[in-house]
């Protein structure tokens, strides 16, 4: 019972899940990992990492690294980037751009060197303190974290945090009104291109390319209202105002209905400034699921593209969901088959 018969060169796993309405589904997941090299097709990683069954956080338990690979009800594919932003060359500069292009999506970020917003007299100014250097692409390197200039009597608990990015730095709810005479606010290095710091104006929103934790304010409200009415009428189902976009872990600008075959370019994500160009492999993956006497055939859908630039690793996650309300004990097996593949090299 609940067996996954995997005939692909990738990792595969099956699991029972409920949709937001509470209906049971047998969900199949495939995690396809590839090694990237300049001027070559993505190569199937010899030892495939297993399907991720649960969320993965960093060592602190605060920053989400990856969501679970089981996300069959996610509206589109997540695009998640990890790695390091690298200066384009040996010449020092106060800032440089980095990011990626995939299909019609262009994600351009800016990495600054050390800088601060300082009050000199009555004016605020942004002061550059050094050149931009290689910087981890992390939510810790963008705006967020704890209020830098708390006022007397303000709470020191969760209300003092930037709820959109609790792990960031260089944040104040009102820098123009709170930076004291002779004081300064150290600014984080990473911003979205075109949304930079303006002295006297509110700070830019947190800007990242990685996964967003489900309890952060930019994602949590999409889960709906878990109030007294929900407790009395809906529990343990999701609230009536649940929004399926909650299943997305990628920033809103990094979601698309990808199918494979899309061109992708990584910019300033490896030392030396040379772009890395490749196409996503095109994979047609089918699943045959035996539920009692029924044999249900489905085509898997791409739900995540994850690039770890430091490791030169591309991961593509596919899901399928077979409704089986009240028949979970009848699910015998799911046979996963790679029907067609192009744009890749086998190990």
C-alpha atoms as a PDB file:
ATOM      1  CA  UNK A   1       0.000   0.000   0.000  1.00  0.00           C
ATOM      2  CA  UNK A   2       1.115   3.566  -0.807  1.00  0.00           C
ATOM      3  CA  UNK A   3       4.077   2.316  -2.830  1.00  0.00           C
ATOM      4  CA  UNK A   4       5.981   4.486  -5.318  1.00  0.00           C
ATOM      5  CA  UNK A   5       7.456   2.549  -8.246  1.00  0.00           C
ATOM      6  CA  UNK A   6       9.967   4.949  -9.719  1.00  0.00           C
ATOM      7  CA  UNK A   7      11.422   4.217 -13.162  1.00  0.00           C
ATOM      8  CA  UNK A   8      12.876   7.708 -13.728  1.00  0.00           C
ATOM      9  CA  UNK A   9      16.513   8.730 -13.116  1.00  0.00           C
ATOM     10  CA  UNK A  10      15.231  11.178 -10.500  1.00  0.00           C
ATOM     11  CA  UNK A  11      13.945  10.965  -6.922  1.00  0.00           C
ATOM     12  CA  UNK A  12      10.228  10.234  -6.494  1.00  0.00           C
ATOM     13  CA  UNK A  13       7.865   9.855  -3.546  1.00  0.00           C
ATOM     14  CA  UNK A  14       4.129   9.572  -2.875  1.00  0.00           C
ATOM     15  CA  UNK A  15       2.111  11.013  -0.023  1.00  0.00           C
ATOM     16  CA  UNK A  16      -1.504  11.607   1.009  1.00  0.00           C
ATOM     17  CA  UNK A  17      -2.617  15.222   1.271  1.00  0.00           C
ATOM     18  CA  UNK A  18      -5.875  17.118   1.645  1.00  0.00           C
ATOM     19  CA  UNK A  19      -6.824  20.054  -0.540  1.00  0.00           C
ATOM     20  CA  UNK A  20      -8.078  23.286   1.098  1.00  0.00           C
ATOM     21  CA  UNK A  21     -11.635  21.873   1.097  1.00  0.00           C
ATOM     22  CA  UNK A  22     -10.476  18.775   2.972  1.00  0.00           C
ATOM     23  CA  UNK A  23     -10.691  16.273   0.103  1.00  0.00           C
ATOM     24  CA  UNK A  24      -8.047  13.536   0.136  1.00  0.00           C
ATOM     25  CA  UNK A  25      -5.564  13.231  -2.740  1.00  0.00           C
ATOM     26  CA  UNK A  26      -2.742  10.863  -3.476  1.00  0.00           C
ATOM     27  CA  UNK A  27       0.126  13.190  -4.395  1.00  0.00           C
ATOM     28  CA  UNK A  28       3.176  12.164  -6.375  1.00  0.00           C
ATOM     29  CA  UNK A  29       6.338  14.267  -6.331  1.00  0.00           C
ATOM     30  CA  UNK A  30       9.471  14.062  -8.475  1.00  0.00           C
ATOM     31  CA  UNK A  31      12.616  15.995  -7.588  1.00  0.00           C
ATOM     32  CA  UNK A  32      14.891  16.223 -10.639  1.00  0.00           C
ATOM     33  CA  UNK A  33      18.407  17.536  -9.920  1.00  0.00           C
ATOM     34  CA  UNK A  34      20.924  18.676 -12.539  1.00  0.00           C
ATOM     35  CA  UNK A  35      24.499  19.931 -12.461  1.00  0.00           C
ATOM     36  CA  UNK A  36      25.186  23.115 -14.417  1.00  0.00           C
ATOM     37  CA  UNK A  37      28.355  23.866 -16.399  1.00  0.00           C
ATOM     38  CA  UNK A  38      29.179  26.732 -18.754  1.00  0.00           C
ATOM     39  CA  UNK A  39      28.371  25.972 -22.368  1.00  0.00           C
ATOM     40  CA  UNK A  40      26.860  22.552 -21.636  1.00  0.00           C
ATOM     41  CA  UNK A  41      23.427  21.036 -21.259  1.00  0.00           C
ATOM     42  CA  UNK A  42      22.264  20.441 -17.682  1.00  0.00           C
ATOM     43  CA  UNK A  43      23.578  17.040 -16.579  1.00  0.00           C
ATOM     44  CA  UNK A  44      21.544  14.691 -14.408  1.00  0.00           C
ATOM     45  CA  UNK A  45      23.146  14.705 -10.962  1.00  0.00           C
ATOM     46  CA  UNK A  46      24.672  11.233 -10.384  1.00  0.00           C
ATOM     47  CA  UNK A  47      23.362  10.901  -6.828  1.00  0.00           C
ATOM     48  CA  UNK A  48      19.883  12.401  -6.758  1.00  0.00           C
ATOM     49  CA  UNK A  49      18.893  14.114  -3.486  1.00  0.00           C
ATOM     50  CA  UNK A  50      15.648  12.689  -2.072  1.00  0.00           C
ATOM     51  CA  UNK A  51      12.243  14.305  -2.323  1.00  0.00           C
ATOM     52  CA  UNK A  52      11.884  16.937   0.392  1.00  0.00           C
ATOM     53  CA  UNK A  53       9.041  15.856   2.668  1.00  0.00           C
ATOM     54  CA  UNK A  54       9.020  18.933   4.916  1.00  0.00           C
ATOM     55  CA  UNK A  55      10.129  22.536   5.004  1.00  0.00           C
ATOM     56  CA  UNK A  56      13.852  23.174   5.475  1.00  0.00           C
ATOM     57  CA  UNK A  57      15.040  26.125   7.576  1.00  0.00           C
ATOM     58  CA  UNK A  58      18.529  27.463   8.226  1.00  0.00           C
ATOM     59  CA  UNK A  59      20.441  26.580  11.395  1.00  0.00           C
ATOM     60  CA  UNK A  60      18.662  29.334  13.341  1.00  0.00           C
ATOM     61  CA  UNK A  61      15.244  27.959  12.408  1.00  0.00           C
ATOM     62  CA  UNK A  62      14.141  31.409  11.228  1.00  0.00           C
ATOM     63  CA  UNK A  63      14.917  31.664   7.500  1.00  0.00           C
ATOM     64  CA  UNK A  64      13.175  29.232   5.152  1.00  0.00           C
ATOM     65  CA  UNK A  65      15.583  27.586   2.721  1.00  0.00           C
ATOM     66  CA  UNK A  66      13.097  25.412   0.824  1.00  0.00           C
ATOM     67  CA  UNK A  67       9.454  24.452   0.989  1.00  0.00           C
ATOM     68  CA  UNK A  68       8.305  20.848   0.939  1.00  0.00           C
ATOM     69  CA  UNK A  69       8.286  19.270  -2.529  1.00  0.00           C
ATOM     70  CA  UNK A  70       4.602  18.432  -2.072  1.00  0.00           C
ATOM     71  CA  UNK A  71       2.716  21.460  -3.435  1.00  0.00           C
ATOM     72  CA  UNK A  72       0.115  20.129  -5.901  1.00  0.00           C
ATOM     73  CA  UNK A  73      -2.332  22.981  -5.278  1.00  0.00           C
ATOM     74  CA  UNK A  74       0.211  25.757  -5.903  1.00  0.00           C
ATOM     75  CA  UNK A  75      -1.225  27.928  -8.733  1.00  0.00           C
ATOM     76  CA  UNK A  76       2.060  28.412 -10.627  1.00  0.00           C
ATOM     77  CA  UNK A  77       5.695  27.353 -10.408  1.00  0.00           C
ATOM     78  CA  UNK A  78       7.919  28.934  -7.775  1.00  0.00           C
ATOM     79  CA  UNK A  79      11.343  30.187  -8.879  1.00  0.00           C
ATOM     80  CA  UNK A  80      13.775  30.237  -5.947  1.00  0.00           C
ATOM     81  CA  UNK A  81      17.377  31.440  -6.103  1.00  0.00           C
ATOM     82  CA  UNK A  82      20.160  30.726  -3.620  1.00  0.00           C
ATOM     83  CA  UNK A  83      23.826  31.580  -3.825  1.00  0.00           C
ATOM     84  CA  UNK A  84      26.135  34.588  -3.705  1.00  0.00           C
ATOM     85  CA  UNK A  85      26.066  37.904  -5.554  1.00  0.00           C
ATOM     86  CA  UNK A  86      29.526  38.553  -7.057  1.00  0.00           C
ATOM     87  CA  UNK A  87      31.047  41.825  -8.308  1.00  0.00           C
ATOM     88  CA  UNK A  88      31.351  41.732 -12.112  1.00  0.00           C
ATOM     89  CA  UNK A  89      35.129  42.219 -12.193  1.00  0.00           C
ATOM     90  CA  UNK A  90      38.262  43.219 -10.316  1.00  0.00           C
ATOM     91  CA  UNK A  91      37.482  46.940 -10.483  1.00  0.00           C
ATOM     92  CA  UNK A  92      35.942  48.155  -7.229  1.00  0.00           C
ATOM     93  CA  UNK A  93      32.478  49.704  -7.344  1.00  0.00           C
ATOM     94  CA  UNK A  94      29.999  50.982  -4.792  1.00  0.00           C
ATOM     95  CA  UNK A  95      27.205  48.758  -6.150  1.00  0.00           C
ATOM     96  CA  UNK A  96      26.511  46.190  -8.842  1.00  0.00           C
ATOM     97  CA  UNK A  97      23.457  44.426 -10.244  1.00  0.00           C
ATOM     98  CA  UNK A  98      22.744  40.706 -10.115  1.00  0.00           C
ATOM     99  CA  UNK A  99      19.790  38.437 -10.720  1.00  0.00           C
ATOM    100  CA  UNK A 100      18.297  36.157 -13.328  1.00  0.00           C
ATOM    101  CA  UNK A 101      16.075  35.927 -16.369  1.00  0.00           C
ATOM    102  CA  UNK A 102      13.804  32.978 -17.074  1.00  0.00           C
ATOM    103  CA  UNK A 103      11.278  33.018 -19.864  1.00  0.00           C
ATOM    104  CA  UNK A 104       9.567  36.407 -19.637  1.00  0.00           C
ATOM    105  CA  UNK A 105      10.591  37.024 -16.021  1.00  0.00           C
ATOM    106  CA  UNK A 106      13.430  39.415 -15.285  1.00  0.00           C
ATOM    107  CA  UNK A 107      14.565  39.672 -11.671  1.00  0.00           C
ATOM    108  CA  UNK A 108      17.165  42.416 -11.220  1.00  0.00           C
ATOM    109  CA  UNK A 109      18.623  43.138  -7.809  1.00  0.00           C
ATOM    110  CA  UNK A 110      21.353  45.497  -6.601  1.00  0.00           C
ATOM    111  CA  UNK A 111      24.136  44.716  -4.137  1.00  0.00           C
ATOM    112  CA  UNK A 112      25.673  47.714  -2.366  1.00  0.00           C
ATOM    113  CA  UNK A 113      28.848  48.085  -0.388  1.00  0.00           C
ATOM    114  CA  UNK A 114      28.766  49.175   3.277  1.00  0.00           C
ATOM    115  CA  UNK A 115      26.644  52.323   3.648  1.00  0.00           C
ATOM    116  CA  UNK A 116      24.541  54.172   6.155  1.00  0.00           C
ATOM    117  CA  UNK A 117      21.880  56.832   6.406  1.00  0.00           C
ATOM    118  CA  UNK A 118      23.266  59.538   8.683  1.00  0.00           C
ATOM    119  CA  UNK A 119      21.878  62.767  10.132  1.00  0.00           C
ATOM    120  CA  UNK A 120      24.237  65.683   9.770  1.00  0.00           C
ATOM    121  CA  UNK A 121      22.651  68.881  11.032  1.00  0.00           C
ATOM    122  CA  UNK A 122      19.051  68.893   9.855  1.00  0.00           C
ATOM    123  CA  UNK A 123      19.653  66.779   6.767  1.00  0.00           C
ATOM    124  CA  UNK A 124      19.768  63.048   6.145  1.00  0.00           C
ATOM    125  CA  UNK A 125      22.232  61.618   3.658  1.00  0.00           C
ATOM    126  CA  UNK A 126      23.293  58.175   2.489  1.00  0.00           C
ATOM    127  CA  UNK A 127      27.031  57.713   2.976  1.00  0.00           C
ATOM    128  CA  UNK A 128      29.031  55.048   1.106  1.00  0.00           C
ATOM    129  CA  UNK A 129      31.674  53.477   3.323  1.00  0.00           C
ATOM    130  CA  UNK A 130      33.337  50.982   0.994  1.00  0.00           C
ATOM    131  CA  UNK A 131      33.105  48.954  -2.193  1.00  0.00           C
ATOM    132  CA  UNK A 132      30.517  46.250  -2.852  1.00  0.00           C
ATOM    133  CA  UNK A 133      31.789  42.727  -2.216  1.00  0.00           C
ATOM    134  CA  UNK A 134      30.541  39.180  -2.705  1.00  0.00           C
ATOM    135  CA  UNK A 135      27.395  38.850  -0.571  1.00  0.00           C
ATOM    136  CA  UNK A 136      25.166  35.876   0.296  1.00  0.00           C
ATOM    137  CA  UNK A 137      21.705  36.089  -1.272  1.00  0.00           C
ATOM    138  CA  UNK A 138      19.747  35.893   1.945  1.00  0.00           C
ATOM    139  CA  UNK A 139      16.844  37.651   3.621  1.00  0.00           C
ATOM    140  CA  UNK A 140      19.384  38.576   6.306  1.00  0.00           C
ATOM    141  CA  UNK A 141      21.076  40.919   3.819  1.00  0.00           C
ATOM    142  CA  UNK A 142      18.033  43.074   3.079  1.00  0.00           C
ATOM    143  CA  UNK A 143      15.721  45.412   4.997  1.00  0.00           C
ATOM    144  CA  UNK A 144      13.951  43.954   7.999  1.00  0.00           C
ATOM    145  CA  UNK A 145      14.654  42.756  11.500  1.00  0.00           C
ATOM    146  CA  UNK A 146      14.229  44.773  14.660  1.00  0.00           C
ATOM    147  CA  UNK A 147      13.478  48.493  14.853  1.00  0.00           C
ATOM    148  CA  UNK A 148      16.865  50.206  15.125  1.00  0.00           C
ATOM    149  CA  UNK A 149      15.598  53.251  17.055  1.00  0.00           C
ATOM    150  CA  UNK A 150      12.808  52.113  19.403  1.00  0.00           C
ATOM    151  CA  UNK A 151      11.083  54.867  21.326  1.00  0.00           C
ATOM    152  CA  UNK A 152      10.644  54.819  25.072  1.00  0.00           C
ATOM    153  CA  UNK A 153       7.660  52.708  25.982  1.00  0.00           C
ATOM    154  CA  UNK A 154       7.497  50.854  22.674  1.00  0.00           C
ATOM    155  CA  UNK A 155       7.135  47.076  22.996  1.00  0.00           C
ATOM    156  CA  UNK A 156      10.322  45.061  22.744  1.00  0.00           C
ATOM    157  CA  UNK A 157       8.524  41.903  21.637  1.00  0.00           C
ATOM    158  CA  UNK A 158       7.273  40.821  18.194  1.00  0.00           C
ATOM    159  CA  UNK A 159       5.720  44.249  17.510  1.00  0.00           C
ATOM    160  CA  UNK A 160       9.233  45.691  17.315  1.00  0.00           C
ATOM    161  CA  UNK A 161      10.023  43.447  14.325  1.00  0.00           C
ATOM    162  CA  UNK A 162       9.505  43.998  10.638  1.00  0.00           C
ATOM    163  CA  UNK A 163       6.910  41.270  10.114  1.00  0.00           C
ATOM    164  CA  UNK A 164       7.593  41.081   6.370  1.00  0.00           C
ATOM    165  CA  UNK A 165      11.180  40.014   7.096  1.00  0.00           C
ATOM    166  CA  UNK A 166      11.958  39.310  10.751  1.00  0.00           C
ATOM    167  CA  UNK A 167      15.537  38.197   9.995  1.00  0.00           C
ATOM    168  CA  UNK A 168      16.697  41.271   8.045  1.00  0.00           C
ATOM    169  CA  UNK A 169      18.617  44.345   9.195  1.00  0.00           C
ATOM    170  CA  UNK A 170      18.892  48.095   8.739  1.00  0.00           C
ATOM    171  CA  UNK A 171      15.224  48.806   9.395  1.00  0.00           C
ATOM    172  CA  UNK A 172      13.343  51.634  11.029  1.00  0.00           C
ATOM    173  CA  UNK A 173       9.665  52.399  10.663  1.00  0.00           C
ATOM    174  CA  UNK A 174      10.469  56.118  10.365  1.00  0.00           C
ATOM    175  CA  UNK A 175      14.156  56.863   9.759  1.00  0.00           C
ATOM    176  CA  UNK A 176      13.509  60.564   9.075  1.00  0.00           C
ATOM    177  CA  UNK A 177      11.819  60.972  12.447  1.00  0.00           C
ATOM    178  CA  UNK A 178      13.939  58.578  14.490  1.00  0.00           C
ATOM    179  CA  UNK A 179      17.597  58.888  13.478  1.00  0.00           C
ATOM    180  CA  UNK A 180      19.010  61.254  16.125  1.00  0.00           C
ATOM    181  CA  UNK A 181      21.417  64.114  15.555  1.00  0.00           C
ATOM    182  CA  UNK A 182      24.820  62.622  14.840  1.00  0.00           C
ATOM    183  CA  UNK A 183      23.285  59.151  14.564  1.00  0.00           C
ATOM    184  CA  UNK A 184      23.179  56.774  11.635  1.00  0.00           C
ATOM    185  CA  UNK A 185      21.294  53.725  10.380  1.00  0.00           C
ATOM    186  CA  UNK A 186      23.490  51.018   8.869  1.00  0.00           C
ATOM    187  CA  UNK A 187      21.824  49.904   5.642  1.00  0.00           C
ATOM    188  CA  UNK A 188      21.764  46.355   4.277  1.00  0.00           C
ATOM    189  CA  UNK A 189      23.390  45.611   0.912  1.00  0.00           C
ATOM    190  CA  UNK A 190      20.561  44.051  -1.135  1.00  0.00           C
ATOM    191  CA  UNK A 191      17.697  45.934  -2.793  1.00  0.00           C
ATOM    192  CA  UNK A 192      15.455  45.511  -5.814  1.00  0.00           C
ATOM    193  CA  UNK A 193      16.722  47.535  -8.774  1.00  0.00           C
ATOM    194  CA  UNK A 194      14.723  50.749  -9.048  1.00  0.00           C
ATOM    195  CA  UNK A 195      13.596  50.719  -5.409  1.00  0.00           C
ATOM    196  CA  UNK A 196      16.519  52.289  -3.612  1.00  0.00           C
ATOM    197  CA  UNK A 197      16.951  54.285  -0.427  1.00  0.00           C
ATOM    198  CA  UNK A 198      15.842  57.918  -0.551  1.00  0.00           C
ATOM    199  CA  UNK A 199      16.813  60.001   2.504  1.00  0.00           C
ATOM    200  CA  UNK A 200      13.718  61.193   4.330  1.00  0.00           C
ATOM    201  CA  UNK A 201      11.385  58.700   2.632  1.00  0.00           C
ATOM    202  CA  UNK A 202      10.166  55.345   3.990  1.00  0.00           C
ATOM    203  CA  UNK A 203      12.681  52.556   3.498  1.00  0.00           C
ATOM    204  CA  UNK A 204      12.223  50.105   0.596  1.00  0.00           C
ATOM    205  CA  UNK A 205      10.393  46.870   1.241  1.00  0.00           C
ATOM    206  CA  UNK A 206      12.467  43.769   1.997  1.00  0.00           C
ATOM    207  CA  UNK A 207      13.877  42.352  -1.248  1.00  0.00           C
ATOM    208  CA  UNK A 208      14.977  38.785  -1.683  1.00  0.00           C
ATOM    209  CA  UNK A 209      15.134  35.921  -4.159  1.00  0.00           C
ATOM    210  CA  UNK A 210      14.739  33.093  -1.681  1.00  0.00           C
ATOM    211  CA  UNK A 211      11.829  31.282  -0.066  1.00  0.00           C
ATOM    212  CA  UNK A 212       9.410  33.154   2.217  1.00  0.00           C
ATOM    213  CA  UNK A 213       8.480  31.483   5.496  1.00  0.00           C
ATOM    214  CA  UNK A 214       4.745  30.782   5.913  1.00  0.00           C
ATOM    215  CA  UNK A 215       4.499  32.798   9.149  1.00  0.00           C
ATOM    216  CA  UNK A 216       5.900  36.014   7.623  1.00  0.00           C
ATOM    217  CA  UNK A 217       3.409  38.833   7.080  1.00  0.00           C
ATOM    218  CA  UNK A 218       3.704  38.820   3.272  1.00  0.00           C
ATOM    219  CA  UNK A 219       2.426  35.219   3.190  1.00  0.00           C
ATOM    220  CA  UNK A 220       0.479  34.468   6.365  1.00  0.00           C
ATOM    221  CA  UNK A 221      -2.681  36.543   5.597  1.00  0.00           C
ATOM    222  CA  UNK A 222      -3.267  34.397   2.493  1.00  0.00           C
ATOM    223  CA  UNK A 223      -4.044  31.460   4.796  1.00  0.00           C
ATOM    224  CA  UNK A 224      -7.267  33.200   5.848  1.00  0.00           C
ATOM    225  CA  UNK A 225      -8.826  34.071   9.186  1.00  0.00           C
ATOM    226  CA  UNK A 226      -8.534  31.453  11.927  1.00  0.00           C
ATOM    227  CA  UNK A 227     -11.117  33.145  14.158  1.00  0.00           C
ATOM    228  CA  UNK A 228     -13.948  31.993  16.423  1.00  0.00           C
ATOM    229  CA  UNK A 229     -16.262  31.419  13.459  1.00  0.00           C
ATOM    230  CA  UNK A 230     -13.644  29.211  11.812  1.00  0.00           C
ATOM    231  CA  UNK A 231     -13.190  27.316  15.077  1.00  0.00           C
ATOM    232  CA  UNK A 232     -16.925  26.695  15.361  1.00  0.00           C
ATOM    233  CA  UNK A 233     -17.810  26.023  11.707  1.00  0.00           C
ATOM    234  CA  UNK A 234     -14.729  24.976   9.699  1.00  0.00           C
ATOM    235  CA  UNK A 235     -12.061  23.454  11.939  1.00  0.00           C
ATOM    236  CA  UNK A 236      -9.980  21.443  10.981  1.00  0.00           C
ATOM    237  CA  UNK A 237     -10.489  22.612   7.361  1.00  0.00           C
ATOM    238  CA  UNK A 238      -8.910  25.769   5.992  1.00  0.00           C
ATOM    239  CA  UNK A 239     -10.869  29.029   6.371  1.00  0.00           C
ATOM    240  CA  UNK A 240     -13.369  29.997   3.679  1.00  0.00           C
ATOM    241  CA  UNK A 241     -11.189  32.965   2.696  1.00  0.00           C
ATOM    242  CA  UNK A 242      -8.109  30.785   2.189  1.00  0.00           C
ATOM    243  CA  UNK A 243      -6.117  31.931  -0.863  1.00  0.00           C
ATOM    244  CA  UNK A 244      -4.203  29.260  -2.829  1.00  0.00           C
ATOM    245  CA  UNK A 245      -1.344  31.739  -3.296  1.00  0.00           C
ATOM    246  CA  UNK A 246      -0.392  30.814   0.272  1.00  0.00           C
ATOM    247  CA  UNK A 247       1.180  27.686  -1.238  1.00  0.00           C
ATOM    248  CA  UNK A 248       3.745  29.898  -3.007  1.00  0.00           C
ATOM    249  CA  UNK A 249       7.030  30.303  -1.144  1.00  0.00           C
ATOM    250  CA  UNK A 250       8.727  32.412  -3.841  1.00  0.00           C
ATOM    251  CA  UNK A 251       8.315  36.211  -3.960  1.00  0.00           C
ATOM    252  CA  UNK A 252       5.401  37.346  -6.136  1.00  0.00           C
ATOM    253  CA  UNK A 253       7.793  38.473  -8.896  1.00  0.00           C
ATOM    254  CA  UNK A 254       9.215  34.928  -9.104  1.00  0.00           C
ATOM    255  CA  UNK A 255       6.164  32.878 -10.071  1.00  0.00           C
ATOM    256  CA  UNK A 256       5.161  31.700 -13.526  1.00  0.00           C
ATOM    257  CA  UNK A 257       3.392  28.837 -15.337  1.00  0.00           C
ATOM    258  CA  UNK A 258       6.642  27.156 -16.381  1.00  0.00           C
ATOM    259  CA  UNK A 259       6.632  23.900 -18.360  1.00  0.00           C
ATOM    260  CA  UNK A 260      10.342  23.297 -19.080  1.00  0.00           C
ATOM    261  CA  UNK A 261      12.415  24.404 -22.036  1.00  0.00           C
ATOM    262  CA  UNK A 262      12.493  28.048 -20.937  1.00  0.00           C
ATOM    263  CA  UNK A 263      15.858  29.844 -21.348  1.00  0.00           C
ATOM    264  CA  UNK A 264      17.491  30.998 -18.113  1.00  0.00           C
ATOM    265  CA  UNK A 265      20.379  33.379 -17.499  1.00  0.00           C
ATOM    266  CA  UNK A 266      22.186  33.936 -14.191  1.00  0.00           C
ATOM    267  CA  UNK A 267      23.841  37.350 -13.893  1.00  0.00           C
ATOM    268  CA  UNK A 268      26.757  38.029 -11.521  1.00  0.00           C
ATOM    269  CA  UNK A 269      26.093  34.847  -9.574  1.00  0.00           C
ATOM    270  CA  UNK A 270      29.518  33.331 -10.234  1.00  0.00           C
ATOM    271  CA  UNK A 271      32.929  35.024  -9.875  1.00  0.00           C
ATOM    272  CA  UNK A 272      34.233  36.883 -12.921  1.00  0.00           C
ATOM    273  CA  UNK A 273      31.071  38.479 -14.233  1.00  0.00           C
ATOM    274  CA  UNK A 274      30.379  35.955 -17.013  1.00  0.00           C
ATOM    275  CA  UNK A 275      26.633  35.179 -17.335  1.00  0.00           C
ATOM    276  CA  UNK A 276      25.549  31.563 -17.053  1.00  0.00           C
ATOM    277  CA  UNK A 277      23.079  30.585 -19.787  1.00  0.00           C
ATOM    278  CA  UNK A 278      21.082  27.364 -20.096  1.00  0.00           C
ATOM    279  CA  UNK A 279      17.591  26.063 -20.792  1.00  0.00           C
ATOM    280  CA  UNK A 280      15.423  24.158 -18.380  1.00  0.00           C
ATOM    281  CA  UNK A 281      15.240  20.534 -19.458  1.00  0.00           C
ATOM    282  CA  UNK A 282      11.906  19.490 -20.940  1.00  0.00           C
ATOM    283  CA  UNK A 283      10.503  16.519 -19.038  1.00  0.00           C
ATOM    284  CA  UNK A 284       7.219  14.698 -19.599  1.00  0.00           C
ATOM    285  CA  UNK A 285       6.581  12.655 -16.481  1.00  0.00           C
ATOM    286  CA  UNK A 286       3.508  10.457 -16.093  1.00  0.00           C
ATOM    287  CA  UNK A 287       2.131   8.605 -13.097  1.00  0.00           C
ATOM    288  CA  UNK A 288      -0.114   5.557 -13.097  1.00  0.00           C
ATOM    289  CA  UNK A 289      -1.885   5.217  -9.756  1.00  0.00           C
ATOM    290  CA  UNK A 290      -3.738   2.075  -8.700  1.00  0.00           C
ATOM    291  CA  UNK A 291      -6.698   2.838  -6.406  1.00  0.00           C
ATOM    292  CA  UNK A 292      -8.677  -0.298  -5.801  1.00  0.00           C
ATOM    293  CA  UNK A 293      -9.616  -1.585  -9.263  1.00  0.00           C
ATOM    294  CA  UNK A 294      -9.052   1.807 -10.884  1.00  0.00           C
ATOM    295  CA  UNK A 295      -5.841   2.696 -12.705  1.00  0.00           C
ATOM    296  CA  UNK A 296      -5.571   6.486 -13.006  1.00  0.00           C
ATOM    297  CA  UNK A 297      -3.002   8.043 -15.357  1.00  0.00           C
ATOM    298  CA  UNK A 298      -1.928  11.661 -14.843  1.00  0.00           C
ATOM    299  CA  UNK A 299       0.721  14.024 -16.195  1.00  0.00           C
ATOM    300  CA  UNK A 300       2.954  15.706 -13.637  1.00  0.00           C
ATOM    301  CA  UNK A 301       3.156  19.490 -13.459  1.00  0.00           C
ATOM    302  CA  UNK A 302       6.220  21.650 -12.776  1.00  0.00           C
ATOM    303  CA  UNK A 303       5.712  23.377  -9.395  1.00  0.00           C
ATOM    304  CA  UNK A 304       9.204  24.648  -8.515  1.00  0.00           C
ATOM    305  CA  UNK A 305      12.507  25.637 -10.096  1.00  0.00           C
ATOM    306  CA  UNK A 306      15.327  26.020  -7.578  1.00  0.00           C
ATOM    307  CA  UNK A 307      18.778  27.286  -8.528  1.00  0.00           C
ATOM    308  CA  UNK A 308      21.694  27.009  -6.112  1.00  0.00           C
ATOM    309  CA  UNK A 309      24.301  29.070  -7.937  1.00  0.00           C
ATOM    310  CA  UNK A 310      27.082  28.331  -5.451  1.00  0.00           C
ATOM    311  CA  UNK A 311      26.726  24.612  -6.080  1.00  0.00           C
ATOM    312  CA  UNK A 312      25.901  24.989  -9.800  1.00  0.00           C
ATOM    313  CA  UNK A 313      22.774  22.950  -9.129  1.00  0.00           C
ATOM    314  CA  UNK A 314      19.364  23.156 -10.828  1.00  0.00           C
ATOM    315  CA  UNK A 315      16.378  21.426  -9.215  1.00  0.00           C
ATOM    316  CA  UNK A 316      12.980  20.992 -10.859  1.00  0.00           C
ATOM    317  CA  UNK A 317      10.066  19.699  -8.797  1.00  0.00           C
ATOM    318  CA  UNK A 318       7.016  18.064 -10.371  1.00  0.00           C
ATOM    319  CA  UNK A 319       3.700  17.130  -8.730  1.00  0.00           C
ATOM    320  CA  UNK A 320       0.500  15.332  -9.572  1.00  0.00           C
ATOM    321  CA  UNK A 321      -2.615  14.898  -7.420  1.00  0.00           C
ATOM    322  CA  UNK A 322      -5.167  12.088  -7.767  1.00  0.00           C
ATOM    323  CA  UNK A 323      -8.437  12.591  -5.838  1.00  0.00           C
ATOM    324  CA  UNK A 324      -9.217   9.633  -3.581  1.00  0.00           C
ATOM    325  CA  UNK A 325     -11.834  10.839  -1.054  1.00  0.00           C
ATOM    326  CA  UNK A 326     -12.504   8.101   1.470  1.00  0.00           C
ATOM    327  CA  UNK A 327     -10.315   5.659  -0.469  1.00  0.00           C
ATOM    328  CA  UNK A 328      -6.874   6.293   1.010  1.00  0.00           C
ATOM    329  CA  UNK A 329      -6.645   2.661   2.173  1.00  0.00           C
ATOM    330  CA  UNK A 330      -7.235   1.533  -1.422  1.00  0.00           C
ATOM    331  CA  UNK A 331      -4.193   3.359  -2.836  1.00  0.00           C
ATOM    332  CA  UNK A 332      -1.881   0.497  -3.766  1.00  0.00           C
ATOM    333  CA  UNK A 333       0.930   2.074  -5.754  1.00  0.00           C
ATOM    334  CA  UNK A 334       1.925   4.826  -8.159  1.00  0.00           C
ATOM    335  CA  UNK A 335       4.243   4.042 -11.062  1.00  0.00           C
ATOM    336  CA  UNK A 336       6.247   7.104 -12.156  1.00  0.00           C
ATOM    337  CA  UNK A 337       7.611   7.128 -15.712  1.00  0.00           C
ATOM    338  CA  UNK A 338       9.704   9.554 -17.732  1.00  0.00           C
ATOM    339  CA  UNK A 339       7.844   9.582 -21.034  1.00  0.00           C
ATOM    340  CA  UNK A 340      10.087  12.056 -22.831  1.00  0.00           C
ATOM    341  CA  UNK A 341      13.167  14.155 -22.024  1.00  0.00           C
ATOM    342  CA  UNK A 342      15.184  16.697 -23.952  1.00  0.00           C
ATOM    343  CA  UNK A 343      17.697  19.417 -23.175  1.00  0.00           C
ATOM    344  CA  UNK A 344      19.660  17.349 -20.660  1.00  0.00           C
ATOM    345  CA  UNK A 345      22.530  14.887 -20.441  1.00  0.00           C
ATOM    346  CA  UNK A 346      22.185  11.701 -18.399  1.00  0.00           C
ATOM    347  CA  UNK A 347      24.852  10.925 -15.838  1.00  0.00           C
END
